[in-house]
């Protein structure tokens, strides 16, 4: 059952609408419940700029946004409705390409880290995994395995840019902003939605007798 909005909710929405209309809403934020715990979503007028896990500390993340993007940060869920719908569909098991239909603001990643995340978004599809070394081999610095790990571990847009699909060479999850358990949950969700183990293209692998 949907809870009717309170007076405080309506006041907050009016304030957010006025700030959006006046062009003073630089960073809109909202939270979203998910199977990997509460998420903080943040968006500028250009698109989603940050997704954070509860373990990062939402207050600390908002402070970071105020320093690096703009001090004008406001609770304003409507700007983030497209991202929330994408995430709800993803967690419901829909096979979605990275960030389809969701505008992204990539200003919090640059240089080689940005190159790694761009390559990840295009080369590692839903349900597939790649090792840090395999992803490094597809970049301009094919031996920069450690730097690839850092790029994934500091990805400002997890889930929409699916760094959880990059694992260690022995198959263990490796570092993840949301923690190893969250990474395992996301990998299991994608493979479960596809009906079993998948190959590097994200297609269900052939199984004996099939």
Foldseek 3Di string as FASTA:
>chain_A
DDDDDDPVRVVQQVVLVVCVVVVNQAKEWDWDQAPLGIWIWIAGPQFTEFIAHVVVPPVVVLVVCCVPGNVRYGHHCPVCVVVNVVRVCVRVLDQDQQQVPGGYDHVVDDDPLVQLLVQQSPQAGQLAAEELLRSLCVGPRNVPSVVSLVSLQPPRDDPSSPSLRYDHPVRQRHHHRSDRVVSVVSNCSRQVSQPHHDYRVSHHDDDPPD
